[in-house]
PDB file of N, CA and C in Angstrom:
ATOM      1  N   MET A   1      18.790  28.985 -13.742  1.00  0.00           N
ATOM      2  CA  MET A   1      17.525  28.399 -13.425  1.00  0.00           C
ATOM      3  C   MET A   1      16.440  28.988 -14.321  1.00  0.00           C
ATOM      4  N   GLY A   2      15.519  28.168 -14.763  1.00  0.00           N
ATOM      5  CA  GLY A   2      14.493  28.620 -15.694  1.00  0.00           C
ATOM      6  C   GLY A   2      13.323  29.293 -15.009  1.00  0.00           C
ATOM      7  N   THR A   3      12.515  29.929 -15.807  1.00  0.00           N
ATOM      8  CA  THR A   3      11.299  30.554 -15.305  1.00  0.00           C
ATOM      9  C   THR A   3      10.107  30.076 -16.115  1.00  0.00           C
ATOM     10  N   GLY A   4      10.210  28.891 -16.666  1.00  0.00           N
ATOM     11  CA  GLY A   4       9.178  28.368 -17.560  1.00  0.00           C
ATOM     12  C   GLY A   4       7.929  27.907 -16.843  1.00  0.00           C
ATOM     13  N   ARG A   5       7.081  27.279 -17.618  1.00  0.00           N
ATOM     14  CA  ARG A   5       5.762  26.856 -17.144  1.00  0.00           C
ATOM     15  C   ARG A   5       5.854  25.852 -15.997  1.00  0.00           C
ATOM     16  N   THR A   6       6.852  24.965 -16.025  1.00  0.00           N
ATOM     17  CA  THR A   6       6.944  23.929 -14.996  1.00  0.00           C
ATOM     18  C   THR A   6       7.163  24.518 -13.608  1.00  0.00           C
ATOM     19  N   LEU A   7       7.776  25.670 -13.537  1.00  0.00           N
ATOM     20  CA  LEU A   7       8.004  26.292 -12.237  1.00  0.00           C
ATOM     21  C   LEU A   7       6.801  27.095 -11.759  1.00  0.00           C
ATOM     22  N   ARG A   8       5.872  27.411 -12.651  1.00  0.00           N
ATOM     23  CA  ARG A   8       4.681  28.184 -12.280  1.00  0.00           C
ATOM     24  C   ARG A   8       3.490  27.295 -11.954  1.00  0.00           C
ATOM     25  N   LYS A   9       3.612  26.002 -12.183  1.00  0.00           N
ATOM     26  CA  LYS A   9       2.482  25.104 -11.966  1.00  0.00           C
ATOM     27  C   LYS A   9       2.102  25.059 -10.490  1.00  0.00           C
ATOM     28  N   GLU A  10       0.834  25.002 -10.250  1.00  0.00           N
ATOM     29  CA  GLU A  10       0.328  24.894  -8.881  1.00  0.00           C
ATOM     30  C   GLU A  10       0.052  23.426  -8.556  1.00  0.00           C
ATOM     31  N   SER A  11       0.011  23.117  -7.297  1.00  0.00           N
ATOM     32  CA  SER A  11      -0.233  21.738  -6.894  1.00  0.00           C
ATOM     33  C   SER A  11      -1.666  21.306  -7.157  1.00  0.00           C
ATOM     34  N   HIS A  12      -2.584  22.253  -7.361  1.00  0.00           N
ATOM     35  CA  HIS A  12      -3.981  21.895  -7.554  1.00  0.00           C
ATOM     36  C   HIS A  12      -4.259  21.335  -8.946  1.00  0.00           C
ATOM     37  N   VAL A  13      -3.266  21.296  -9.820  1.00  0.00           N
ATOM     38  CA  VAL A  13      -3.492  20.707 -11.137  1.00  0.00           C
ATOM     39  C   VAL A  13      -3.290  19.194 -11.109  1.00  0.00           C
ATOM     40  N   ARG A  14      -2.802  18.681  -9.996  1.00  0.00           N
ATOM     41  CA  ARG A  14      -2.630  17.233  -9.875  1.00  0.00           C
ATOM     42  C   ARG A  14      -3.993  16.573  -9.713  1.00  0.00           C
ATOM     43  N   PRO A  15      -4.169  15.371 -10.256  1.00  0.00           N
ATOM     44  CA  PRO A  15      -5.467  14.708 -10.116  1.00  0.00           C
ATOM     45  C   PRO A  15      -5.732  14.286  -8.671  1.00  0.00           C
ATOM     46  N   CYS A  16      -6.989  14.337  -8.281  1.00  0.00           N
ATOM     47  CA  CYS A  16      -7.393  13.948  -6.930  1.00  0.00           C
ATOM     48  C   CYS A  16      -7.488  12.433  -6.836  1.00  0.00           C
ATOM     49  N   LYS A  17      -7.231  11.921  -5.652  1.00  0.00           N
ATOM     50  CA  LYS A  17      -7.433  10.487  -5.420  1.00  0.00           C
ATOM     51  C   LYS A  17      -8.923  10.238  -5.268  1.00  0.00           C
ATOM     52  N   THR A  18      -9.397   9.234  -5.956  1.00  0.00           N
ATOM     53  CA  THR A  18     -10.813   8.898  -5.864  1.00  0.00           C
ATOM     54  C   THR A  18     -10.991   7.739  -4.893  1.00  0.00           C
ATOM     55  N   PRO A  19     -12.154   7.611  -4.295  1.00  0.00           N
ATOM     56  CA  PRO A  19     -12.402   6.471  -3.410  1.00  0.00           C
ATOM     57  C   PRO A  19     -12.237   5.127  -4.125  1.00  0.00           C
ATOM     58  N   ALA A  20     -12.624   5.075  -5.389  1.00  0.00           N
ATOM     59  CA  ALA A  20     -12.475   3.831  -6.144  1.00  0.00           C
ATOM     60  C   ALA A  20     -11.000   3.490  -6.339  1.00  0.00           C
ATOM     61  N   GLY A  21     -10.185   4.499  -6.593  1.00  0.00           N
ATOM     62  CA  GLY A  21      -8.750   4.271  -6.750  1.00  0.00           C
ATOM     63  C   GLY A  21      -8.105   3.796  -5.465  1.00  0.00           C
ATOM     64  N   LYS A  22      -8.518   4.380  -4.352  1.00  0.00           N
ATOM     65  CA  LYS A  22      -7.991   3.964  -3.049  1.00  0.00           C
ATOM     66  C   LYS A  22      -8.384   2.526  -2.743  1.00  0.00           C
ATOM     67  N   ALA A  23      -9.639   2.180  -3.036  1.00  0.00           N
ATOM     68  CA  ALA A  23     -10.115   0.823  -2.773  1.00  0.00           C
ATOM     69  C   ALA A  23      -9.365  -0.183  -3.641  1.00  0.00           C
ATOM     70  N   ARG A  24      -9.110   0.184  -4.892  1.00  0.00           N
ATOM     71  CA  ARG A  24      -8.382  -0.699  -5.807  1.00  0.00           C
ATOM     72  C   ARG A  24      -6.951  -0.942  -5.303  1.00  0.00           C
ATOM     73  N   LYS A  25      -6.321   0.124  -4.842  1.00  0.00           N
ATOM     74  CA  LYS A  25      -4.960   0.013  -4.333  1.00  0.00           C
ATOM     75  C   LYS A  25      -4.913  -0.820  -3.054  1.00  0.00           C
ATOM     76  N   SER A  26      -5.882  -0.607  -2.177  1.00  0.00           N
ATOM     77  CA  SER A  26      -5.948  -1.361  -0.930  1.00  0.00           C
ATOM     78  C   SER A  26      -6.155  -2.846  -1.202  1.00  0.00           C
ATOM     79  N   LYS A  27      -7.024  -3.159  -2.160  1.00  0.00           N
ATOM     80  CA  LYS A  27      -7.288  -4.556  -2.513  1.00  0.00           C
ATOM     81  C   LYS A  27      -6.030  -5.216  -3.075  1.00  0.00           C
ATOM     82  N   ALA A  28      -5.291  -4.486  -3.895  1.00  0.00           N
ATOM     83  CA  ALA A  28      -4.060  -5.023  -4.468  1.00  0.00           C
ATOM     84  C   ALA A  28      -3.010  -5.260  -3.385  1.00  0.00           C
ATOM     85  N   GLN A  29      -2.938  -4.349  -2.411  1.00  0.00           N
ATOM     86  CA  GLN A  29      -1.971  -4.506  -1.325  1.00  0.00           C
ATOM     87  C   GLN A  29      -2.325  -5.694  -0.443  1.00  0.00           C
ATOM     88  N   ARG A  30      -3.596  -5.893  -0.190  1.00  0.00           N
ATOM     89  CA  ARG A  30      -4.021  -7.044   0.613  1.00  0.00           C
ATOM     90  C   ARG A  30      -3.699  -8.350  -0.118  1.00  0.00           C
ATOM     91  N   ALA A  31      -3.907  -8.379  -1.427  1.00  0.00           N
ATOM     92  CA  ALA A  31      -3.576  -9.566  -2.211  1.00  0.00           C
ATOM     93  C   ALA A  31      -2.082  -9.829  -2.183  1.00  0.00           C
ATOM     94  N   ARG A  32      -1.287  -8.782  -2.177  1.00  0.00           N
ATOM     95  CA  ARG A  32       0.167  -8.938  -2.118  1.00  0.00           C
ATOM     96  C   ARG A  32       0.606  -9.561  -0.793  1.00  0.00           C
ATOM     97  N   LEU A  33      -0.050  -9.158   0.306  1.00  0.00           N
ATOM     98  CA  LEU A  33       0.279  -9.746   1.609  1.00  0.00           C
ATOM     99  C   LEU A  33      -0.079 -11.231   1.639  1.00  0.00           C
ATOM    100  N   VAL A  34      -1.187 -11.603   1.019  1.00  0.00           N
ATOM    101  CA  VAL A  34      -1.573 -13.008   0.966  1.00  0.00           C
ATOM    102  C   VAL A  34      -0.537 -13.791   0.163  1.00  0.00           C
ATOM    103  N   LYS A  35      -0.013 -13.202  -0.912  1.00  0.00           N
ATOM    104  CA  LYS A  35       1.027 -13.866  -1.702  1.00  0.00           C
ATOM    105  C   LYS A  35       2.313 -14.028  -0.905  1.00  0.00           C
ATOM    106  N   PHE A  36       2.566 -13.117   0.023  1.00  0.00           N
ATOM    107  CA  PHE A  36       3.751 -13.233   0.878  1.00  0.00           C
ATOM    108  C   PHE A  36       3.635 -14.379   1.860  1.00  0.00           C
ATOM    109  N   GLY A  37       2.397 -14.883   2.070  1.00  0.00           N
ATOM    110  CA  GLY A  37       2.227 -16.036   2.938  1.00  0.00           C
ATOM    111  C   GLY A  37       1.307 -15.825   4.115  1.00  0.00           C
ATOM    112  N   MET A  38       0.775 -14.633   4.281  1.00  0.00           N
ATOM    113  CA  MET A  38      -0.149 -14.392   5.389  1.00  0.00           C
ATOM    114  C   MET A  38      -1.504 -14.998   5.051  1.00  0.00           C
ATOM    115  N   SER A  39      -2.256 -15.354   6.075  1.00  0.00           N
ATOM    116  CA  SER A  39      -3.575 -15.926   5.824  1.00  0.00           C
ATOM    117  C   SER A  39      -4.546 -14.803   5.435  1.00  0.00           C
ATOM    118  N   ALA A  40      -5.504 -15.153   4.602  1.00  0.00           N
ATOM    119  CA  ALA A  40      -6.460 -14.161   4.108  1.00  0.00           C
ATOM    120  C   ALA A  40      -7.307 -13.590   5.240  1.00  0.00           C
ATOM    121  N   ASP A  41      -7.611 -14.413   6.246  1.00  0.00           N
ATOM    122  CA  ASP A  41      -8.413 -13.931   7.375  1.00  0.00           C
ATOM    123  C   ASP A  41      -7.662 -12.867   8.175  1.00  0.00           C
ATOM    124  N   ASP A  42      -6.362 -13.103   8.396  1.00  0.00           N
ATOM    125  CA  ASP A  42      -5.560 -12.122   9.128  1.00  0.00           C
ATOM    126  C   ASP A  42      -5.481 -10.806   8.371  1.00  0.00           C
ATOM    127  N   VAL A  43      -5.307 -10.901   7.075  1.00  0.00           N
ATOM    128  CA  VAL A  43      -5.182  -9.698   6.257  1.00  0.00           C
ATOM    129  C   VAL A  43      -6.492  -8.915   6.239  1.00  0.00           C
ATOM    130  N   GLN A  44      -7.622  -9.617   6.169  1.00  0.00           N
ATOM    131  CA  GLN A  44      -8.912  -8.935   6.131  1.00  0.00           C
ATOM    132  C   GLN A  44      -9.217  -8.224   7.449  1.00  0.00           C
ATOM    133  N   SER A  45      -8.708  -8.754   8.554  1.00  0.00           N
ATOM    134  CA  SER A  45      -8.984  -8.130   9.848  1.00  0.00           C
ATOM    135  C   SER A  45      -8.104  -6.913  10.110  1.00  0.00           C
ATOM    136  N   MET A  46      -7.071  -6.700   9.297  1.00  0.00           N
ATOM    137  CA  MET A  46      -6.173  -5.556   9.472  1.00  0.00           C
ATOM    138  C   MET A  46      -6.797  -4.282   8.905  1.00  0.00           C
ATOM    139  N   GLY A  47      -6.328  -3.164   9.417  1.00  0.00           N
ATOM    140  CA  GLY A  47      -6.736  -1.874   8.879  1.00  0.00           C
ATOM    141  C   GLY A  47      -5.884  -1.500   7.680  1.00  0.00           C
ATOM    142  N   ASP A  48      -6.314  -0.496   6.941  1.00  0.00           N
ATOM    143  CA  ASP A  48      -5.587  -0.074   5.740  1.00  0.00           C
ATOM    144  C   ASP A  48      -4.182   0.420   6.066  1.00  0.00           C
ATOM    145  N   GLU A  49      -4.052   1.131   7.172  1.00  0.00           N
ATOM    146  CA  GLU A  49      -2.744   1.677   7.554  1.00  0.00           C
ATOM    147  C   GLU A  49      -1.742   0.554   7.840  1.00  0.00           C
ATOM    148  N   GLU A  50      -2.180  -0.445   8.571  1.00  0.00           N
ATOM    149  CA  GLU A  50      -1.301  -1.569   8.909  1.00  0.00           C
ATOM    150  C   GLU A  50      -0.901  -2.352   7.658  1.00  0.00           C
ATOM    151  N   VAL A  51      -1.839  -2.520   6.741  1.00  0.00           N
ATOM    152  CA  VAL A  51      -1.548  -3.218   5.484  1.00  0.00           C
ATOM    153  C   VAL A  51      -0.495  -2.450   4.706  1.00  0.00           C
ATOM    154  N   ARG A  52      -0.645  -1.124   4.645  1.00  0.00           N
ATOM    155  CA  ARG A  52       0.294  -0.290   3.908  1.00  0.00           C
ATOM    156  C   ARG A  52       1.709  -0.408   4.469  1.00  0.00           C
ATOM    157  N   VAL A  53       1.819  -0.434   5.794  1.00  0.00           N
ATOM    158  CA  VAL A  53       3.140  -0.531   6.433  1.00  0.00           C
ATOM    159  C   VAL A  53       3.783  -1.887   6.144  1.00  0.00           C
ATOM    160  N   LEU A  54       3.000  -2.957   6.219  1.00  0.00           N
ATOM    161  CA  LEU A  54       3.547  -4.291   5.999  1.00  0.00           C
ATOM    162  C   LEU A  54       3.936  -4.535   4.547  1.00  0.00           C
ATOM    163  N   VAL A  55       3.212  -3.965   3.611  1.00  0.00           N
ATOM    164  CA  VAL A  55       3.541  -4.153   2.198  1.00  0.00           C
ATOM    165  C   VAL A  55       4.894  -3.524   1.881  1.00  0.00           C
ATOM    166  N   GLN A  56       5.236  -2.472   2.592  1.00  0.00           N
ATOM    167  CA  GLN A  56       6.512  -1.795   2.359  1.00  0.00           C
ATOM    168  C   GLN A  56       7.694  -2.620   2.859  1.00  0.00           C
ATOM    169  N   ARG A  57       7.460  -3.579   3.757  1.00  0.00           N
ATOM    170  CA  ARG A  57       8.545  -4.366   4.348  1.00  0.00           C
ATOM    171  C   ARG A  57       8.268  -5.861   4.197  1.00  0.00           C
ATOM    172  N   PRO A  58       8.508  -6.426   3.006  1.00  0.00           N
ATOM    173  CA  PRO A  58       8.197  -7.840   2.775  1.00  0.00           C
ATOM    174  C   PRO A  58       9.041  -8.789   3.622  1.00  0.00           C
ATOM    175  N   THR A  59      10.254  -8.411   3.983  1.00  0.00           N
ATOM    176  CA  THR A  59      11.071  -9.308   4.808  1.00  0.00           C
ATOM    177  C   THR A  59      10.472  -9.460   6.200  1.00  0.00           C
ATOM    178  N   VAL A  60       9.884  -8.395   6.730  1.00  0.00           N
ATOM    179  CA  VAL A  60       9.239  -8.457   8.038  1.00  0.00           C
ATOM    180  C   VAL A  60       8.033  -9.388   7.967  1.00  0.00           C
ATOM    181  N   VAL A  61       7.292  -9.316   6.869  1.00  0.00           N
ATOM    182  CA  VAL A  61       6.117 -10.168   6.705  1.00  0.00           C
ATOM    183  C   VAL A  61       6.537 -11.631   6.653  1.00  0.00           C
ATOM    184  N   LYS A  62       7.590 -11.922   5.920  1.00  0.00           N
ATOM    185  CA  LYS A  62       8.057 -13.304   5.814  1.00  0.00           C
ATOM    186  C   LYS A  62       8.525 -13.834   7.165  1.00  0.00           C
ATOM    187  N   LYS A  63       9.148 -12.970   7.975  1.00  0.00           N
ATOM    188  CA  LYS A  63       9.565 -13.386   9.315  1.00  0.00           C
ATOM    189  C   LYS A  63       8.354 -13.642  10.208  1.00  0.00           C
ATOM    190  N   LEU A  64       7.318 -12.804  10.099  1.00  0.00           N
ATOM    191  CA  LEU A  64       6.096 -13.023  10.870  1.00  0.00           C
ATOM    192  C   LEU A  64       5.428 -14.332  10.505  1.00  0.00           C
ATOM    193  N   VAL A  65       5.396 -14.632   9.213  1.00  0.00           N
ATOM    194  CA  VAL A  65       4.765 -15.856   8.741  1.00  0.00           C
ATOM    195  C   VAL A  65       5.571 -17.076   9.219  1.00  0.00           C
ATOM    196  N   ALA A  66       6.902 -16.977   9.151  1.00  0.00           N
ATOM    197  CA  ALA A  66       7.744 -18.080   9.593  1.00  0.00           C
ATOM    198  C   ALA A  66       7.577 -18.327  11.086  1.00  0.00           C
ATOM    199  N   LYS A  67       7.477 -17.244  11.861  1.00  0.00           N
ATOM    200  CA  LYS A  67       7.318 -17.374  13.307  1.00  0.00           C
ATOM    201  C   LYS A  67       5.968 -18.009  13.637  1.00  0.00           C
ATOM    202  N   LYS A  68       4.939 -17.671  12.882  1.00  0.00           N
ATOM    203  CA  LYS A  68       3.601 -18.186  13.132  1.00  0.00           C
ATOM    204  C   LYS A  68       3.491 -19.669  12.788  1.00  0.00           C
ATOM    205  N   THR A  69       4.230 -20.123  11.776  1.00  0.00           N
ATOM    206  CA  THR A  69       4.143 -21.532  11.368  1.00  0.00           C
ATOM    207  C   THR A  69       4.912 -22.455  12.304  1.00  0.00           C
ATOM    208  N   LYS A  70       5.850 -21.916  13.072  1.00  0.00           N
ATOM    209  CA  LYS A  70       6.638 -22.756  13.995  1.00  0.00           C
ATOM    210  C   LYS A  70       5.852 -23.155  15.209  1.00  0.00           C
TER     211      LYS A  70
END
């Protein structure tokens, strides 16, 4: 095992998340849900946490959309 620089690096050298970056990511995730078939109004009323969970599971989103259209 090495003892080089990569093993001495601290976690504080990683870049911080900026509010603008978070907003950009959230906007992209909401657009992705709309592309999956959800209505834009439903997506806008959701919180960021719920959007994040649904983006990770596109098959669940498609089932929700199919159930809603029936």
